[in-house]
């Protein structure tokens, strides 16, 4: 079961890389002379293409990780893992890849609260 959980989390990390690129990567196109002139419909189509890769990883991740298919996680746990992974991947992209954002103290406080949510979701009371 541990193998299923680790595989699911790894696939969610990869899925979230594509999700971040699909949702926010196009905001970086203005920096490229080649891509900055794309019309909105082309940007939408490009984002959908990238999102297809996200779904190709995310759907198996949820199946592998779901207790319905022999994995260790229930739906709430899967969703909380996805949100936590999404936040970490987004932060890496926003601060180090896109290099346009500053990681402020209030963001960190918000992240701590999200991690507390992870704790409460996974705590067996």
N, C-alpha and C. Protein backbone atom coordinates (compact mmCIF):
# COMPACT_ATOMS: atom_id res chain seq x y z
N UNK A 1 0.81 -1.20 0.00
CA UNK A 1 0.00 0.00 0.00
C UNK A 1 0.86 1.27 0.00
N UNK A 2 2.03 1.18 0.64
CA UNK A 2 2.93 2.34 0.67
C UNK A 2 3.39 2.68 -0.74
N UNK A 3 3.63 1.64 -1.55
CA UNK A 3 4.06 1.85 -2.93
C UNK A 3 2.98 2.60 -3.72
N UNK A 4 1.71 2.22 -3.51
CA UNK A 4 0.61 2.90 -4.20
C UNK A 4 0.54 4.37 -3.78
N UNK A 5 0.72 4.64 -2.49
CA UNK A 5 0.68 6.01 -2.01
C UNK A 5 1.80 6.86 -2.59
N UNK A 6 3.02 6.31 -2.60
CA UNK A 6 4.17 7.04 -3.14
C UNK A 6 4.01 7.28 -4.64
N UNK A 7 3.52 6.27 -5.35
CA UNK A 7 3.28 6.42 -6.80
C UNK A 7 2.23 7.49 -7.07
N UNK A 8 1.16 7.46 -6.30
CA UNK A 8 0.09 8.45 -6.47
C UNK A 8 0.62 9.86 -6.23
N UNK A 9 1.40 10.04 -5.17
CA UNK A 9 1.94 11.37 -4.86
C UNK A 9 2.91 11.82 -5.95
N UNK A 10 3.76 10.92 -6.43
CA UNK A 10 4.70 11.28 -7.51
C UNK A 10 3.94 11.71 -8.77
N UNK A 11 2.90 10.97 -9.12
CA UNK A 11 2.10 11.35 -10.28
C UNK A 11 1.39 12.68 -10.07
N UNK A 12 0.94 12.93 -8.84
CA UNK A 12 0.30 14.23 -8.55
C UNK A 12 1.30 15.38 -8.67
N UNK A 13 2.53 15.15 -8.27
CA UNK A 13 3.56 16.19 -8.43
C UNK A 13 3.76 16.49 -9.91
N UNK A 14 3.93 15.46 -10.72
CA UNK A 14 4.11 15.67 -12.16
C UNK A 14 2.87 16.32 -12.78
N UNK A 15 1.71 15.87 -12.37
CA UNK A 15 0.46 16.44 -12.86
C UNK A 15 0.39 17.93 -12.55
N UNK A 16 0.80 18.30 -11.35
CA UNK A 16 0.74 19.70 -10.94
C UNK A 16 1.76 20.57 -11.65
N UNK A 17 2.85 19.99 -12.09
CA UNK A 17 3.79 20.75 -12.92
C UNK A 17 3.08 21.17 -14.21
N UNK A 18 2.40 20.22 -14.84
CA UNK A 18 1.66 20.55 -16.07
C UNK A 18 0.49 21.49 -15.78
N UNK A 19 -0.19 21.29 -14.65
CA UNK A 19 -1.30 22.17 -14.30
C UNK A 19 -0.82 23.62 -14.13
N UNK A 20 0.29 23.78 -13.44
CA UNK A 20 0.83 25.12 -13.23
C UNK A 20 1.22 25.76 -14.55
N UNK A 21 1.82 24.98 -15.43
CA UNK A 21 2.16 25.51 -16.76
C UNK A 21 0.92 25.86 -17.56
N UNK A 22 -0.11 25.03 -17.49
CA UNK A 22 -1.35 25.29 -18.24
C UNK A 22 -2.08 26.52 -17.70
N UNK A 23 -2.12 26.65 -16.39
CA UNK A 23 -2.89 27.73 -15.78
C UNK A 23 -2.14 29.06 -15.75
N UNK A 24 -0.82 29.00 -15.53
CA UNK A 24 -0.07 30.24 -15.32
C UNK A 24 1.09 30.44 -16.29
N UNK A 25 1.49 29.39 -16.97
CA UNK A 25 2.63 29.51 -17.88
C UNK A 25 2.40 30.50 -19.00
N UNK A 26 1.16 30.57 -19.48
CA UNK A 26 0.87 31.50 -20.58
C UNK A 26 1.06 32.95 -20.16
N UNK A 27 1.05 33.22 -18.86
CA UNK A 27 1.28 34.59 -18.40
C UNK A 27 2.73 35.02 -18.62
N UNK A 28 3.58 34.05 -18.91
CA UNK A 28 4.99 34.34 -19.17
C UNK A 28 5.30 34.52 -20.66
N UNK A 29 4.30 34.29 -21.51
CA UNK A 29 4.53 34.36 -22.96
C UNK A 29 4.91 35.76 -23.43
N UNK A 30 4.54 36.77 -22.68
CA UNK A 30 4.87 38.14 -23.10
C UNK A 30 6.37 38.39 -23.12
N UNK A 31 7.14 37.53 -22.46
CA UNK A 31 8.59 37.69 -22.41
C UNK A 31 9.28 37.18 -23.68
N UNK A 32 8.54 36.47 -24.52
CA UNK A 32 9.11 35.88 -25.73
C UNK A 32 8.55 36.58 -26.96
N UNK A 33 9.44 37.03 -27.82
CA UNK A 33 9.00 37.69 -29.05
C UNK A 33 8.19 36.72 -29.92
N UNK A 34 8.56 35.46 -29.91
CA UNK A 34 7.89 34.46 -30.74
C UNK A 34 6.47 34.17 -30.26
N UNK A 35 6.25 34.12 -28.95
CA UNK A 35 4.98 33.70 -28.40
C UNK A 35 4.10 34.86 -27.95
N UNK A 36 4.64 36.03 -27.81
CA UNK A 36 3.89 37.15 -27.23
C UNK A 36 2.76 37.68 -28.13
N UNK A 37 2.80 37.35 -29.39
CA UNK A 37 1.79 37.86 -30.31
C UNK A 37 0.63 36.88 -30.54
N UNK A 38 0.64 35.76 -29.81
CA UNK A 38 -0.44 34.79 -30.00
C UNK A 38 -1.78 35.39 -29.60
N UNK A 39 -2.82 35.14 -30.40
CA UNK A 39 -4.15 35.60 -30.01
C UNK A 39 -4.67 34.74 -28.84
N UNK A 40 -5.69 35.24 -28.16
CA UNK A 40 -6.22 34.56 -26.98
C UNK A 40 -6.67 33.13 -27.29
N UNK A 41 -7.34 32.91 -28.43
CA UNK A 41 -7.80 31.55 -28.73
C UNK A 41 -6.62 30.58 -28.84
N UNK A 42 -5.49 31.02 -29.37
CA UNK A 42 -4.31 30.16 -29.49
C UNK A 42 -3.72 29.85 -28.10
N UNK A 43 -3.74 30.84 -27.23
CA UNK A 43 -3.26 30.62 -25.86
C UNK A 43 -4.17 29.62 -25.14
N UNK A 44 -5.47 29.75 -25.36
CA UNK A 44 -6.42 28.80 -24.75
C UNK A 44 -6.16 27.38 -25.26
N UNK A 45 -5.99 27.23 -26.57
CA UNK A 45 -5.72 25.91 -27.14
C UNK A 45 -4.40 25.34 -26.63
N UNK A 46 -3.39 26.18 -26.53
CA UNK A 46 -2.10 25.75 -26.00
C UNK A 46 -2.24 25.30 -24.55
N UNK A 47 -2.99 26.04 -23.77
CA UNK A 47 -3.22 25.67 -22.36
C UNK A 47 -3.98 24.36 -22.26
N UNK A 48 -4.96 24.16 -23.11
CA UNK A 48 -5.71 22.90 -23.10
C UNK A 48 -4.81 21.72 -23.45
N UNK A 49 -3.91 21.93 -24.38
CA UNK A 49 -2.98 20.86 -24.76
C UNK A 49 -2.09 20.48 -23.57
N UNK A 50 -1.60 21.47 -22.86
CA UNK A 50 -0.78 21.21 -21.68
C UNK A 50 -1.62 20.56 -20.58
N UNK A 51 -2.87 21.02 -20.43
CA UNK A 51 -3.77 20.45 -19.42
C UNK A 51 -4.09 18.99 -19.72
N UNK A 52 -4.07 18.61 -20.98
CA UNK A 52 -4.30 17.21 -21.33
C UNK A 52 -3.23 16.32 -20.68
N UNK A 53 -2.00 16.76 -20.70
CA UNK A 53 -0.92 16.02 -20.03
C UNK A 53 -1.16 15.97 -18.53
N UNK A 54 -1.67 17.07 -17.98
CA UNK A 54 -1.99 17.08 -16.54
C UNK A 54 -3.01 16.00 -16.21
N UNK A 55 -4.09 15.94 -16.97
CA UNK A 55 -5.14 14.96 -16.71
C UNK A 55 -4.66 13.53 -16.96
N UNK A 56 -3.77 13.35 -17.92
CA UNK A 56 -3.23 12.02 -18.20
C UNK A 56 -2.41 11.50 -17.02
N UNK A 57 -1.93 12.37 -16.17
CA UNK A 57 -1.20 11.98 -14.97
C UNK A 57 -2.08 12.00 -13.72
N UNK A 58 -2.98 12.96 -13.66
CA UNK A 58 -3.81 13.15 -12.47
C UNK A 58 -4.84 12.05 -12.29
N UNK A 59 -5.48 11.63 -13.35
CA UNK A 59 -6.51 10.58 -13.24
C UNK A 59 -5.89 9.26 -12.74
N UNK A 60 -4.78 8.79 -13.32
CA UNK A 60 -4.18 7.57 -12.77
C UNK A 60 -3.68 7.76 -11.33
N UNK A 61 -3.20 8.94 -11.01
CA UNK A 61 -2.74 9.20 -9.65
C UNK A 61 -3.88 8.99 -8.66
N UNK A 62 -5.05 9.52 -8.98
CA UNK A 62 -6.19 9.36 -8.09
C UNK A 62 -6.67 7.91 -8.03
N UNK A 63 -6.64 7.21 -9.15
CA UNK A 63 -7.03 5.79 -9.14
C UNK A 63 -6.05 4.96 -8.32
N UNK A 64 -4.76 5.15 -8.56
CA UNK A 64 -3.74 4.38 -7.83
C UNK A 64 -3.79 4.68 -6.33
N UNK A 65 -4.02 5.93 -6.00
CA UNK A 65 -4.03 6.32 -4.59
C UNK A 65 -5.32 6.05 -3.86
N UNK A 66 -6.41 5.84 -4.59
CA UNK A 66 -7.73 5.68 -3.98
C UNK A 66 -7.89 4.33 -3.30
N UNK A 67 -8.46 4.36 -2.11
CA UNK A 67 -8.74 3.10 -1.42
C UNK A 67 -9.77 2.26 -2.19
N UNK A 68 -10.52 2.88 -3.09
CA UNK A 68 -11.46 2.13 -3.93
C UNK A 68 -10.74 1.20 -4.90
N UNK A 69 -9.47 1.50 -5.20
CA UNK A 69 -8.68 0.69 -6.13
C UNK A 69 -7.46 0.08 -5.45
N UNK A 70 -7.51 -0.05 -4.14
CA UNK A 70 -6.41 -0.68 -3.41
C UNK A 70 -5.35 0.28 -2.88
N UNK A 71 -5.55 1.57 -3.07
CA UNK A 71 -4.60 2.55 -2.55
C UNK A 71 -4.89 2.90 -1.10
N UNK A 72 -4.06 3.74 -0.52
CA UNK A 72 -4.19 4.04 0.91
C UNK A 72 -5.07 5.23 1.26
N UNK A 73 -5.56 6.00 0.28
CA UNK A 73 -6.20 7.28 0.58
C UNK A 73 -7.68 7.29 0.26
N UNK A 74 -8.47 7.98 1.11
CA UNK A 74 -9.87 8.22 0.78
C UNK A 74 -9.96 9.51 -0.04
N UNK A 75 -11.15 9.88 -0.47
CA UNK A 75 -11.30 11.04 -1.35
C UNK A 75 -10.83 12.34 -0.71
N UNK A 76 -11.15 12.53 0.57
CA UNK A 76 -10.73 13.75 1.24
C UNK A 76 -9.21 13.83 1.35
N UNK A 77 -8.58 12.71 1.64
CA UNK A 77 -7.12 12.68 1.74
C UNK A 77 -6.48 12.94 0.38
N UNK A 78 -7.02 12.33 -0.68
CA UNK A 78 -6.49 12.58 -2.02
C UNK A 78 -6.59 14.06 -2.39
N UNK A 79 -7.73 14.67 -2.09
CA UNK A 79 -7.91 16.08 -2.42
C UNK A 79 -6.95 16.96 -1.63
N UNK A 80 -6.76 16.65 -0.35
CA UNK A 80 -5.85 17.46 0.46
C UNK A 80 -4.40 17.30 0.00
N UNK A 81 -4.02 16.08 -0.38
CA UNK A 81 -2.68 15.87 -0.93
C UNK A 81 -2.51 16.70 -2.20
N UNK A 82 -3.52 16.67 -3.07
CA UNK A 82 -3.45 17.42 -4.32
C UNK A 82 -3.30 18.90 -4.06
N UNK A 83 -4.03 19.43 -3.10
CA UNK A 83 -3.94 20.86 -2.80
C UNK A 83 -2.58 21.23 -2.23
N UNK A 84 -2.06 20.39 -1.34
CA UNK A 84 -0.74 20.67 -0.76
C UNK A 84 0.35 20.60 -1.82
N UNK A 85 0.28 19.57 -2.67
CA UNK A 85 1.26 19.43 -3.76
C UNK A 85 1.14 20.61 -4.72
N UNK A 86 -0.08 20.99 -5.04
CA UNK A 86 -0.31 22.13 -5.93
C UNK A 86 0.32 23.40 -5.39
N UNK A 87 0.17 23.62 -4.12
CA UNK A 87 0.73 24.82 -3.49
C UNK A 87 2.26 24.81 -3.54
N UNK A 88 2.86 23.68 -3.26
CA UNK A 88 4.33 23.59 -3.29
C UNK A 88 4.84 23.78 -4.72
N UNK A 89 4.24 23.09 -5.68
CA UNK A 89 4.68 23.22 -7.08
C UNK A 89 4.48 24.64 -7.57
N UNK A 90 3.33 25.24 -7.26
CA UNK A 90 3.07 26.61 -7.68
C UNK A 90 4.11 27.56 -7.09
N UNK A 91 4.43 27.38 -5.82
CA UNK A 91 5.41 28.27 -5.16
C UNK A 91 6.77 28.16 -5.83
N UNK A 92 7.20 26.95 -6.14
CA UNK A 92 8.47 26.77 -6.83
C UNK A 92 8.44 27.49 -8.17
N UNK A 93 7.37 27.33 -8.92
CA UNK A 93 7.28 28.00 -10.22
C UNK A 93 7.22 29.52 -10.08
N UNK A 94 6.39 30.01 -9.18
CA UNK A 94 6.21 31.47 -9.04
C UNK A 94 7.50 32.16 -8.61
N UNK A 95 8.23 31.54 -7.70
CA UNK A 95 9.41 32.20 -7.13
C UNK A 95 10.67 31.91 -7.94
N UNK A 96 10.89 30.64 -8.33
CA UNK A 96 12.18 30.29 -8.94
C UNK A 96 12.13 30.09 -10.44
N UNK A 97 11.01 29.64 -11.00
CA UNK A 97 10.95 29.41 -12.44
C UNK A 97 10.49 30.67 -13.16
N UNK A 98 9.34 31.20 -12.76
CA UNK A 98 8.84 32.42 -13.39
C UNK A 98 9.58 33.65 -12.90
N UNK A 99 10.14 33.59 -11.73
CA UNK A 99 10.97 34.65 -11.12
C UNK A 99 10.28 36.00 -11.09
N UNK A 100 8.98 36.00 -10.87
CA UNK A 100 8.28 37.26 -10.87
C UNK A 100 7.59 37.59 -9.55
N UNK A 101 7.66 36.67 -8.61
CA UNK A 101 6.93 36.86 -7.36
C UNK A 101 7.88 36.76 -6.18
N UNK A 102 7.49 37.40 -5.11
CA UNK A 102 8.23 37.34 -3.86
C UNK A 102 7.43 36.51 -2.87
N UNK A 103 8.10 35.63 -2.15
CA UNK A 103 7.45 34.83 -1.13
C UNK A 103 7.37 35.66 0.14
N UNK A 104 6.18 36.16 0.45
CA UNK A 104 5.98 37.05 1.59
C UNK A 104 5.60 36.27 2.84
N UNK A 105 5.73 36.91 3.98
CA UNK A 105 5.46 36.26 5.26
C UNK A 105 4.00 35.80 5.36
N UNK A 106 3.07 36.61 4.84
CA UNK A 106 1.66 36.23 4.95
C UNK A 106 1.33 35.02 4.09
N UNK A 107 2.07 34.82 2.99
CA UNK A 107 1.89 33.62 2.18
C UNK A 107 2.33 32.39 2.98
N UNK A 108 3.46 32.54 3.65
CA UNK A 108 3.98 31.44 4.45
C UNK A 108 3.00 31.08 5.58
N UNK A 109 2.41 32.08 6.22
CA UNK A 109 1.40 31.82 7.26
C UNK A 109 0.22 31.06 6.66
N UNK A 110 -0.22 31.47 5.49
CA UNK A 110 -1.31 30.76 4.82
C UNK A 110 -0.93 29.32 4.50
N UNK A 111 0.31 29.10 4.08
CA UNK A 111 0.78 27.75 3.79
C UNK A 111 0.77 26.90 5.05
N UNK A 112 1.19 27.49 6.16
CA UNK A 112 1.18 26.77 7.43
C UNK A 112 -0.25 26.34 7.78
N UNK A 113 -1.22 27.23 7.58
CA UNK A 113 -2.61 26.86 7.84
C UNK A 113 -3.07 25.73 6.92
N UNK A 114 -2.63 25.76 5.66
CA UNK A 114 -2.99 24.68 4.75
C UNK A 114 -2.38 23.36 5.23
N UNK A 115 -1.15 23.40 5.70
CA UNK A 115 -0.51 22.19 6.22
C UNK A 115 -1.22 21.70 7.48
N UNK A 116 -1.74 22.63 8.27
CA UNK A 116 -2.56 22.23 9.42
C UNK A 116 -3.83 21.52 8.94
N UNK A 117 -4.38 21.98 7.85
CA UNK A 117 -5.55 21.31 7.27
C UNK A 117 -5.18 19.88 6.87
N UNK A 118 -4.00 19.70 6.29
CA UNK A 118 -3.54 18.36 5.94
C UNK A 118 -3.47 17.49 7.19
N UNK A 119 -2.91 18.04 8.26
CA UNK A 119 -2.83 17.31 9.52
C UNK A 119 -4.21 16.87 10.00
N UNK A 120 -5.16 17.79 10.00
CA UNK A 120 -6.49 17.47 10.50
C UNK A 120 -7.23 16.47 9.61
N UNK A 121 -7.01 16.55 8.31
CA UNK A 121 -7.63 15.59 7.40
C UNK A 121 -7.10 14.18 7.64
N UNK A 122 -5.78 14.08 7.86
CA UNK A 122 -5.17 12.75 8.02
C UNK A 122 -5.21 12.22 9.44
N UNK A 123 -5.52 13.04 10.41
CA UNK A 123 -5.57 12.60 11.82
C UNK A 123 -6.77 11.69 12.01
N UNK A 124 -6.51 10.51 12.54
CA UNK A 124 -7.59 9.55 12.81
C UNK A 124 -8.07 9.78 14.25
N UNK A 125 -9.21 10.41 14.41
CA UNK A 125 -9.72 10.76 15.73
C UNK A 125 -10.49 9.64 16.33
